[in-house]
Amino acid sequence: MYRKFVVAFSLAAVSLSLSACNTVRGFGQDITSVADAVDEET
């Protein structure tokens, strides 16, 4: 459980740093998708 969260968080951090979030709206969508992915894992 904890390992899955750490992996999901790490992947999210990498994807956010590599993706081009040109707007605040785009950043919000990325955060939402990360939250949804974490919810699916739990």
Protein backbone atom coordinates (compact mmCIF):
# COMPACT_ATOMS: atom_id res chain seq x y z
CA MET A 1 0.00 0.00 0.00
CA TYR A 2 2.65 2.52 1.07
CA ARG A 3 4.96 1.46 -1.75
CA LYS A 4 2.21 1.98 -4.35
CA PHE A 5 1.62 5.48 -3.01
CA VAL A 6 5.33 6.32 -3.17
CA VAL A 7 5.57 4.97 -6.72
CA ALA A 8 2.45 6.88 -7.81
CA PHE A 9 3.72 10.06 -6.18
CA SER A 10 7.14 9.69 -7.79
CA LEU A 11 5.65 9.11 -11.22
CA ALA A 12 3.38 12.09 -10.75
CA ALA A 13 6.29 14.31 -9.77
CA VAL A 14 8.30 13.22 -12.80
CA SER A 15 5.38 13.63 -15.19
CA LEU A 16 4.58 17.08 -13.82
CA SER A 17 8.17 18.18 -14.16
CA LEU A 18 8.44 16.85 -17.71
CA SER A 19 5.06 18.01 -18.95
CA ALA A 20 4.54 21.49 -20.29
CA CYS A 21 1.95 23.10 -18.05
CA ASN A 22 1.58 26.39 -19.88
CA THR A 23 -1.45 27.55 -17.95
CA VAL A 24 -2.80 27.37 -14.43
CA ARG A 25 -5.77 25.43 -15.81
CA GLY A 26 -3.45 22.82 -17.32
CA PHE A 27 -1.62 22.49 -14.01
CA GLY A 28 -4.93 21.99 -12.22
CA GLN A 29 -5.91 19.26 -14.66
CA ASP A 30 -2.60 17.50 -14.04
CA ILE A 31 -3.10 17.62 -10.29
CA THR A 32 -6.62 16.25 -10.71
CA SER A 33 -5.43 13.36 -12.84
CA VAL A 34 -2.72 12.52 -10.30
CA ALA A 35 -5.29 12.56 -7.49
CA ASP A 36 -7.56 10.27 -9.50
CA ALA A 37 -4.70 7.84 -10.12
CA VAL A 38 -3.87 7.73 -6.42
CA ASP A 39 -7.53 7.16 -5.56
CA GLU A 40 -7.68 4.23 -7.97
CA GLU A 41 -4.66 2.64 -6.30
CA THR A 42 -6.19 2.80 -2.83
